[in-house]
Amino acid sequence: MSASISLKQLRSRRADAALHLAQHCLMIVGLILVLDFINLTLGDPVSELFRSFAPESGVVAVGAPENDAADKAESTAVDASLAALSPQMRGALSYVAQRYKVSAEAVRPVFEAVQLVGQERRIDPLLIVAIIGVESGFNPFAESAMGARGLMQVIPRFHMDKVPDGGGRGAFLDPVTNIRIGTSVLQEAIQRRGGLAAGLQYYAGSSDPQGVYANRVIAERARLEQAARRAAG
């Protein structure tokens, strides 16, 4: 029994560490995008200065105590698992880069976070990716006229209870936090409405009897799946 509990705790620690790692990556990606915009606007190569501080691999290393070999080994395992997108997710990533005209390198941390959160919540990661595409087009700073924020366009005033301790409205613009909260909202919506299509309509706050929003998300998920199959050969 104790061994089972320890294994669960270790898996939880690894998942949390991996999500923190993805969070740092996404913060760097977001800052680079903002700095590139400044560069294009002002002609100031400030983004090059910023990139000089980032690892070439695009992954921020997680520091570990020098004398703690176990933590170092765990950190290495987390790095490896984070980099290992499933073949399905790699195929979907290529599709997204082309369809939404975004850098595959820039959105890869989003896919890594989606894969981890999907496994954690037992929600199809391609469904999460489809919602992100429909809702924000992979813009982590998107904000609607109704106040919905971030990748999955979550409205803060309805879901502050899901924000981690110490977070505020700004947490909804953090990509990993947004994916965590958005997936939780999606899971609740599907459970509350008793099915995928009805749950998607509820997620969007839509009472449309034609189910236009749900149909858009489901169609996008199907395209992602087809792209992943083609990539797999």
C-alpha atoms as a PDB file:
ATOM      1  CA  MET A   1       0.000   0.000   0.000  1.00  0.00           C
ATOM      2  CA  SER A   2       2.759   2.453   0.944  1.00  0.00           C
ATOM      3  CA  ALA A   3       4.636   1.631  -2.260  1.00  0.00           C
ATOM      4  CA  SER A   4       1.517   2.447  -4.289  1.00  0.00           C
ATOM      5  CA  ILE A   5       1.101   5.775  -2.505  1.00  0.00           C
ATOM      6  CA  SER A   6       4.770   6.633  -3.053  1.00  0.00           C
ATOM      7  CA  LEU A   7       4.462   5.866  -6.762  1.00  0.00           C
ATOM      8  CA  LYS A   8       1.424   8.101  -7.067  1.00  0.00           C
ATOM      9  CA  GLN A   9       3.258  10.893  -5.263  1.00  0.00           C
ATOM     10  CA  LEU A  10       6.290  10.518  -7.524  1.00  0.00           C
ATOM     11  CA  ARG A  11       4.115  10.637 -10.643  1.00  0.00           C
ATOM     12  CA  SER A  12       2.367  13.731  -9.290  1.00  0.00           C
ATOM     13  CA  ARG A  13       5.715  15.419  -8.577  1.00  0.00           C
ATOM     14  CA  ARG A  14       6.949  14.628 -12.069  1.00  0.00           C
ATOM     15  CA  ALA A  15       3.774  15.930 -13.697  1.00  0.00           C
ATOM     16  CA  ASP A  16       3.940  19.150 -11.661  1.00  0.00           C
ATOM     17  CA  ALA A  17       7.626  19.611 -12.472  1.00  0.00           C
ATOM     18  CA  ALA A  18       6.977  19.070 -16.158  1.00  0.00           C
ATOM     19  CA  LEU A  19       4.138  21.595 -16.170  1.00  0.00           C
ATOM     20  CA  HIS A  20       6.326  24.144 -14.396  1.00  0.00           C
ATOM     21  CA  LEU A  21       8.979  23.552 -17.041  1.00  0.00           C
ATOM     22  CA  ALA A  22       6.444  24.039 -19.826  1.00  0.00           C
ATOM     23  CA  GLN A  23       5.218  27.172 -18.057  1.00  0.00           C
ATOM     24  CA  HIS A  24       8.711  28.697 -18.126  1.00  0.00           C
ATOM     25  CA  CYS A  25       9.073  27.808 -21.802  1.00  0.00           C
ATOM     26  CA  LEU A  26       5.761  29.452 -22.675  1.00  0.00           C
ATOM     27  CA  MET A  27       6.665  32.586 -20.728  1.00  0.00           C
ATOM     28  CA  ILE A  28       9.887  32.879 -22.752  1.00  0.00           C
ATOM     29  CA  VAL A  29       8.009  32.254 -26.011  1.00  0.00           C
ATOM     30  CA  GLY A  30       5.462  34.934 -25.140  1.00  0.00           C
ATOM     31  CA  LEU A  31       8.169  37.460 -24.282  1.00  0.00           C
ATOM     32  CA  ILE A  32      10.046  36.702 -27.493  1.00  0.00           C
ATOM     33  CA  LEU A  33       6.859  37.276 -29.520  1.00  0.00           C
ATOM     34  CA  VAL A  34       6.279  40.627 -27.779  1.00  0.00           C
ATOM     35  CA  LEU A  35       9.910  41.657 -28.241  1.00  0.00           C
ATOM     36  CA  ASP A  36       9.812  40.628 -31.904  1.00  0.00           C
ATOM     37  CA  PHE A  37       6.776  42.872 -32.337  1.00  0.00           C
ATOM     38  CA  ILE A  38       8.724  45.750 -30.759  1.00  0.00           C
ATOM     39  CA  ASN A  39      11.620  44.941 -33.055  1.00  0.00           C
ATOM     40  CA  LEU A  40       9.392  45.122 -36.140  1.00  0.00           C
ATOM     41  CA  THR A  41       7.793  48.334 -34.933  1.00  0.00           C
ATOM     42  CA  LEU A  42      10.842  50.240 -33.673  1.00  0.00           C
ATOM     43  CA  GLY A  43      13.644  48.571 -35.590  1.00  0.00           C
ATOM     44  CA  ASP A  44      15.410  47.726 -32.362  1.00  0.00           C
ATOM     45  CA  PRO A  45      16.901  44.188 -32.286  1.00  0.00           C
ATOM     46  CA  VAL A  46      15.997  43.785 -28.636  1.00  0.00           C
ATOM     47  CA  SER A  47      14.723  40.243 -29.164  1.00  0.00           C
ATOM     48  CA  GLU A  48      18.221  39.105 -30.129  1.00  0.00           C
ATOM     49  CA  LEU A  49      19.479  40.328 -26.789  1.00  0.00           C
ATOM     50  CA  PHE A  50      16.736  38.385 -25.038  1.00  0.00           C
ATOM     51  CA  ARG A  51      17.420  35.218 -27.034  1.00  0.00           C
ATOM     52  CA  SER A  52      21.042  35.289 -25.950  1.00  0.00           C
ATOM     53  CA  PHE A  53      19.863  34.412 -22.445  1.00  0.00           C
ATOM     54  CA  ALA A  54      17.729  31.436 -23.568  1.00  0.00           C
ATOM     55  CA  PRO A  55      19.079  27.903 -24.084  1.00  0.00           C
ATOM     56  CA  GLU A  56      19.444  26.923 -27.754  1.00  0.00           C
ATOM     57  CA  SER A  57      17.091  24.008 -27.262  1.00  0.00           C
ATOM     58  CA  GLY A  58      14.257  26.369 -26.310  1.00  0.00           C
ATOM     59  CA  VAL A  59      13.786  24.543 -23.002  1.00  0.00           C
ATOM     60  CA  VAL A  60      14.614  26.226 -19.733  1.00  0.00           C
ATOM     61  CA  ALA A  61      16.686  24.032 -17.463  1.00  0.00           C
ATOM     62  CA  VAL A  62      15.256  23.365 -14.035  1.00  0.00           C
ATOM     63  CA  GLY A  63      17.833  23.974 -11.338  1.00  0.00           C
ATOM     64  CA  ALA A  64      18.501  21.206  -8.811  1.00  0.00           C
ATOM     65  CA  PRO A  65      20.568  21.068  -5.629  1.00  0.00           C
ATOM     66  CA  GLU A  66      24.114  20.073  -6.519  1.00  0.00           C
ATOM     67  CA  ASN A  67      24.271  17.426  -3.849  1.00  0.00           C
ATOM     68  CA  ASP A  68      20.907  15.825  -4.542  1.00  0.00           C
ATOM     69  CA  ALA A  69      21.465  13.078  -7.120  1.00  0.00           C
ATOM     70  CA  ALA A  70      17.856  11.846  -6.907  1.00  0.00           C
ATOM     71  CA  ASP A  71      16.440  15.260  -7.805  1.00  0.00           C
ATOM     72  CA  LYS A  72      18.874  15.529 -10.704  1.00  0.00           C
ATOM     73  CA  ALA A  73      17.805  12.148 -12.036  1.00  0.00           C
ATOM     74  CA  GLU A  74      14.144  13.085 -11.700  1.00  0.00           C
ATOM     75  CA  SER A  75      14.725  16.397 -13.482  1.00  0.00           C
ATOM     76  CA  THR A  76      16.412  14.559 -16.361  1.00  0.00           C
ATOM     77  CA  ALA A  77      13.480  12.160 -16.602  1.00  0.00           C
ATOM     78  CA  VAL A  78      11.032  15.077 -16.659  1.00  0.00           C
ATOM     79  CA  ASP A  79      12.991  16.801 -19.453  1.00  0.00           C
ATOM     80  CA  ALA A  80      12.881  13.601 -21.510  1.00  0.00           C
ATOM     81  CA  SER A  81       9.150  13.052 -20.967  1.00  0.00           C
ATOM     82  CA  LEU A  82       8.391  16.690 -21.763  1.00  0.00           C
ATOM     83  CA  ALA A  83      10.264  16.506 -25.065  1.00  0.00           C
ATOM     84  CA  ALA A  84       8.551  13.252 -26.053  1.00  0.00           C
ATOM     85  CA  LEU A  85       5.355  14.379 -27.746  1.00  0.00           C
ATOM     86  CA  SER A  86       3.326  11.427 -28.951  1.00  0.00           C
ATOM     87  CA  PRO A  87       3.371  10.762 -32.726  1.00  0.00           C
ATOM     88  CA  GLN A  88      -0.249  11.928 -32.826  1.00  0.00           C
ATOM     89  CA  MET A  89       0.621  15.232 -31.174  1.00  0.00           C
ATOM     90  CA  ARG A  90       3.667  15.741 -33.415  1.00  0.00           C
ATOM     91  CA  GLY A  91       1.472  15.333 -36.487  1.00  0.00           C
ATOM     92  CA  ALA A  92      -1.101  17.725 -35.043  1.00  0.00           C
ATOM     93  CA  LEU A  93       1.651  20.244 -34.292  1.00  0.00           C
ATOM     94  CA  SER A  94       2.744  20.308 -37.943  1.00  0.00           C
ATOM     95  CA  TYR A  95      -0.861  20.834 -39.016  1.00  0.00           C
ATOM     96  CA  VAL A  96      -1.391  23.686 -36.550  1.00  0.00           C
ATOM     97  CA  ALA A  97       1.802  25.439 -37.635  1.00  0.00           C
ATOM     98  CA  GLN A  98       0.571  25.471 -41.246  1.00  0.00           C
ATOM     99  CA  ARG A  99      -3.111  26.162 -40.635  1.00  0.00           C
ATOM    100  CA  TYR A 100      -2.675  28.963 -38.107  1.00  0.00           C
ATOM    101  CA  LYS A 101       0.599  30.298 -39.554  1.00  0.00           C
ATOM    102  CA  VAL A 102       2.485  30.021 -36.280  1.00  0.00           C
ATOM    103  CA  SER A 103       5.956  28.755 -35.527  1.00  0.00           C
ATOM    104  CA  ALA A 104       5.991  25.067 -34.617  1.00  0.00           C
ATOM    105  CA  GLU A 105       8.872  25.785 -32.256  1.00  0.00           C
ATOM    106  CA  ALA A 106       6.888  28.535 -30.528  1.00  0.00           C
ATOM    107  CA  VAL A 107       3.727  26.476 -29.981  1.00  0.00           C
ATOM    108  CA  ARG A 108       5.460  23.197 -29.104  1.00  0.00           C
ATOM    109  CA  PRO A 109       5.382  24.075 -25.349  1.00  0.00           C
ATOM    110  CA  VAL A 110       1.620  24.539 -25.703  1.00  0.00           C
ATOM    111  CA  PHE A 111       1.339  21.002 -27.088  1.00  0.00           C
ATOM    112  CA  GLU A 112       3.546  19.660 -24.318  1.00  0.00           C
ATOM    113  CA  ALA A 113       1.320  21.265 -21.688  1.00  0.00           C
ATOM    114  CA  VAL A 114      -1.848  20.039 -23.434  1.00  0.00           C
ATOM    115  CA  GLN A 115      -0.519  16.491 -23.582  1.00  0.00           C
ATOM    116  CA  LEU A 116       0.291  16.468 -19.855  1.00  0.00           C
ATOM    117  CA  VAL A 117      -2.961  18.112 -18.749  1.00  0.00           C
ATOM    118  CA  GLY A 118      -4.973  15.847 -21.068  1.00  0.00           C
ATOM    119  CA  GLN A 119      -3.392  12.781 -19.503  1.00  0.00           C
ATOM    120  CA  GLU A 120      -3.980  14.179 -16.039  1.00  0.00           C
ATOM    121  CA  ARG A 121      -7.659  14.990 -16.689  1.00  0.00           C
ATOM    122  CA  ARG A 122      -8.293  12.081 -19.061  1.00  0.00           C
ATOM    123  CA  ILE A 123      -9.436  14.477 -21.758  1.00  0.00           C
ATOM    124  CA  ASP A 124      -8.518  13.891 -25.409  1.00  0.00           C
ATOM    125  CA  PRO A 125      -5.572  16.257 -26.072  1.00  0.00           C
ATOM    126  CA  LEU A 126      -6.650  16.767 -29.688  1.00  0.00           C
ATOM    127  CA  LEU A 127      -9.971  18.074 -28.395  1.00  0.00           C
ATOM    128  CA  ILE A 128      -8.110  20.603 -26.225  1.00  0.00           C
ATOM    129  CA  VAL A 129      -5.947  21.632 -29.190  1.00  0.00           C
ATOM    130  CA  ALA A 130      -9.080  22.041 -31.341  1.00  0.00           C
ATOM    131  CA  ILE A 131     -10.671  24.318 -28.737  1.00  0.00           C
ATOM    132  CA  ILE A 132      -7.505  26.431 -28.525  1.00  0.00           C
ATOM    133  CA  GLY A 133      -7.513  26.797 -32.311  1.00  0.00           C
ATOM    134  CA  VAL A 134     -11.173  27.783 -32.498  1.00  0.00           C
ATOM    135  CA  GLU A 135     -11.086  30.043 -29.450  1.00  0.00           C
ATOM    136  CA  SER A 136      -7.799  31.950 -29.753  1.00  0.00           C
ATOM    137  CA  GLY A 137      -5.905  30.787 -32.820  1.00  0.00           C
ATOM    138  CA  PHE A 138      -3.029  29.963 -30.441  1.00  0.00           C
ATOM    139  CA  ASN A 139      -2.663  33.536 -29.222  1.00  0.00           C
ATOM    140  CA  PRO A 140      -1.945  33.258 -25.455  1.00  0.00           C
ATOM    141  CA  PHE A 141      -2.760  36.958 -24.967  1.00  0.00           C
ATOM    142  CA  ALA A 142      -6.157  36.905 -26.702  1.00  0.00           C
ATOM    143  CA  GLU A 143      -9.023  38.661 -24.917  1.00  0.00           C
ATOM    144  CA  SER A 144     -12.606  38.822 -26.152  1.00  0.00           C
ATOM    145  CA  ALA A 145     -15.137  41.613 -25.829  1.00  0.00           C
ATOM    146  CA  MET A 146     -16.788  39.527 -23.082  1.00  0.00           C
ATOM    147  CA  GLY A 147     -13.523  39.383 -21.115  1.00  0.00           C
ATOM    148  CA  ALA A 148     -12.576  35.787 -21.976  1.00  0.00           C
ATOM    149  CA  ARG A 149      -8.815  35.406 -21.753  1.00  0.00           C
ATOM    150  CA  GLY A 150      -5.950  33.322 -23.020  1.00  0.00           C
ATOM    151  CA  LEU A 151      -5.559  30.236 -25.169  1.00  0.00           C
ATOM    152  CA  MET A 152      -8.855  28.615 -24.143  1.00  0.00           C
ATOM    153  CA  GLN A 153     -10.731  31.909 -23.677  1.00  0.00           C
ATOM    154  CA  VAL A 154     -11.825  31.443 -20.083  1.00  0.00           C
ATOM    155  CA  ILE A 155     -13.826  34.241 -18.428  1.00  0.00           C
ATOM    156  CA  PRO A 156     -12.078  35.035 -15.116  1.00  0.00           C
ATOM    157  CA  ARG A 157     -15.112  36.191 -13.142  1.00  0.00           C
ATOM    158  CA  PHE A 158     -16.760  32.781 -13.535  1.00  0.00           C
ATOM    159  CA  HIS A 159     -13.730  30.666 -12.642  1.00  0.00           C
ATOM    160  CA  MET A 160     -11.624  32.454 -10.042  1.00  0.00           C
ATOM    161  CA  ASP A 161     -12.096  29.415  -7.804  1.00  0.00           C
ATOM    162  CA  LYS A 162      -9.857  27.445 -10.159  1.00  0.00           C
ATOM    163  CA  VAL A 163      -6.935  29.885 -10.020  1.00  0.00           C
ATOM    164  CA  PRO A 164      -3.912  28.636  -8.035  1.00  0.00           C
ATOM    165  CA  ASP A 165      -3.282  30.258  -4.672  1.00  0.00           C
ATOM    166  CA  GLY A 166      -1.786  33.711  -5.035  1.00  0.00           C
ATOM    167  CA  GLY A 167      -2.993  34.104  -8.603  1.00  0.00           C
ATOM    168  CA  GLY A 168      -5.351  36.756  -9.906  1.00  0.00           C
ATOM    169  CA  ARG A 169      -6.936  37.668 -13.218  1.00  0.00           C
ATOM    170  CA  GLY A 170      -3.495  37.796 -14.769  1.00  0.00           C
ATOM    171  CA  ALA A 171      -3.142  34.046 -14.234  1.00  0.00           C
ATOM    172  CA  PHE A 172      -5.573  33.491 -17.120  1.00  0.00           C
ATOM    173  CA  LEU A 173      -2.962  34.883 -19.499  1.00  0.00           C
ATOM    174  CA  ASP A 174      -0.404  32.345 -18.330  1.00  0.00           C
ATOM    175  CA  PRO A 175      -0.578  29.592 -20.996  1.00  0.00           C
ATOM    176  CA  VAL A 176      -0.140  26.578 -18.712  1.00  0.00           C
ATOM    177  CA  THR A 177      -2.551  27.936 -16.084  1.00  0.00           C
ATOM    178  CA  ASN A 178      -5.055  28.771 -18.807  1.00  0.00           C
ATOM    179  CA  ILE A 179      -4.841  25.246 -20.238  1.00  0.00           C
ATOM    180  CA  ARG A 180      -5.278  23.750 -16.767  1.00  0.00           C
ATOM    181  CA  ILE A 181      -8.307  25.909 -15.954  1.00  0.00           C
ATOM    182  CA  GLY A 182      -9.846  25.642 -19.428  1.00  0.00           C
ATOM    183  CA  THR A 183      -9.568  21.853 -19.421  1.00  0.00           C
ATOM    184  CA  SER A 184     -11.151  21.723 -15.965  1.00  0.00           C
ATOM    185  CA  VAL A 185     -14.039  23.898 -17.202  1.00  0.00           C
ATOM    186  CA  LEU A 186     -14.417  21.657 -20.271  1.00  0.00           C
ATOM    187  CA  GLN A 187     -14.477  18.511 -18.171  1.00  0.00           C
ATOM    188  CA  GLU A 188     -17.149  19.966 -15.892  1.00  0.00           C
ATOM    189  CA  ALA A 189     -19.217  21.092 -18.880  1.00  0.00           C
ATOM    190  CA  ILE A 190     -19.185  17.643 -20.504  1.00  0.00           C
ATOM    191  CA  GLN A 191     -20.091  15.956 -17.214  1.00  0.00           C
ATOM    192  CA  ARG A 192     -22.847  18.469 -16.481  1.00  0.00           C
ATOM    193  CA  ARG A 193     -24.436  18.227 -19.925  1.00  0.00           C
ATOM    194  CA  GLY A 194     -23.919  14.494 -20.321  1.00  0.00           C
ATOM    195  CA  GLY A 195     -22.203  14.503 -23.695  1.00  0.00           C
ATOM    196  CA  LEU A 196     -19.489  16.040 -25.847  1.00  0.00           C
ATOM    197  CA  ALA A 197     -21.568  18.228 -28.172  1.00  0.00           C
ATOM    198  CA  ALA A 198     -23.788  19.580 -25.394  1.00  0.00           C
ATOM    199  CA  GLY A 199     -20.738  20.064 -23.180  1.00  0.00           C
ATOM    200  CA  LEU A 200     -18.945  22.067 -25.855  1.00  0.00           C
ATOM    201  CA  GLN A 201     -21.974  24.308 -26.305  1.00  0.00           C
ATOM    202  CA  TYR A 202     -22.073  24.848 -22.555  1.00  0.00           C
ATOM    203  CA  TYR A 203     -18.332  25.570 -22.502  1.00  0.00           C
ATOM    204  CA  ALA A 204     -18.878  28.317 -25.072  1.00  0.00           C
ATOM    205  CA  GLY A 205     -21.904  29.689 -23.227  1.00  0.00           C
ATOM    206  CA  SER A 206     -23.968  29.122 -26.348  1.00  0.00           C
ATOM    207  CA  SER A 207     -27.637  28.183 -26.438  1.00  0.00           C
ATOM    208  CA  ASP A 208     -27.613  27.766 -30.222  1.00  0.00           C
ATOM    209  CA  PRO A 209     -29.859  24.763 -31.003  1.00  0.00           C
ATOM    210  CA  GLN A 210     -27.879  24.091 -34.180  1.00  0.00           C
ATOM    211  CA  GLY A 211     -24.726  23.461 -32.167  1.00  0.00           C
ATOM    212  CA  VAL A 212     -22.550  25.593 -34.451  1.00  0.00           C
ATOM    213  CA  TYR A 213     -19.734  25.985 -31.925  1.00  0.00           C
ATOM    214  CA  ALA A 214     -19.620  22.292 -31.061  1.00  0.00           C
ATOM    215  CA  ASN A 215     -19.614  21.371 -34.743  1.00  0.00           C
ATOM    216  CA  ARG A 216     -16.674  23.713 -35.377  1.00  0.00           C
ATOM    217  CA  VAL A 217     -14.616  22.188 -32.580  1.00  0.00           C
ATOM    218  CA  ILE A 218     -15.468  18.605 -33.535  1.00  0.00           C
ATOM    219  CA  ALA A 219     -14.630  19.303 -37.187  1.00  0.00           C
ATOM    220  CA  GLU A 220     -11.312  20.845 -36.215  1.00  0.00           C
ATOM    221  CA  ARG A 221     -10.510  17.872 -34.008  1.00  0.00           C
ATOM    222  CA  ALA A 222     -11.228  15.573 -36.958  1.00  0.00           C
ATOM    223  CA  ARG A 223      -8.835  17.569 -39.148  1.00  0.00           C
ATOM    224  CA  LEU A 224      -6.160  17.322 -36.460  1.00  0.00           C
ATOM    225  CA  GLU A 225      -6.626  13.567 -36.288  1.00  0.00           C
ATOM    226  CA  GLN A 226      -6.433  13.216 -40.077  1.00  0.00           C
ATOM    227  CA  ALA A 227      -3.241  15.284 -40.158  1.00  0.00           C
ATOM    228  CA  ALA A 228      -1.738  13.132 -37.416  1.00  0.00           C
ATOM    229  CA  ARG A 229      -2.559   9.960 -39.371  1.00  0.00           C
ATOM    230  CA  ARG A 230      -1.018  11.345 -42.543  1.00  0.00           C
ATOM    231  CA  ALA A 231       2.126  12.310 -40.641  1.00  0.00           C
ATOM    232  CA  ALA A 232       2.344   8.797 -39.206  1.00  0.00           C
ATOM    233  CA  GLY A 233       2.372   7.476 -42.764  1.00  0.00           C
END
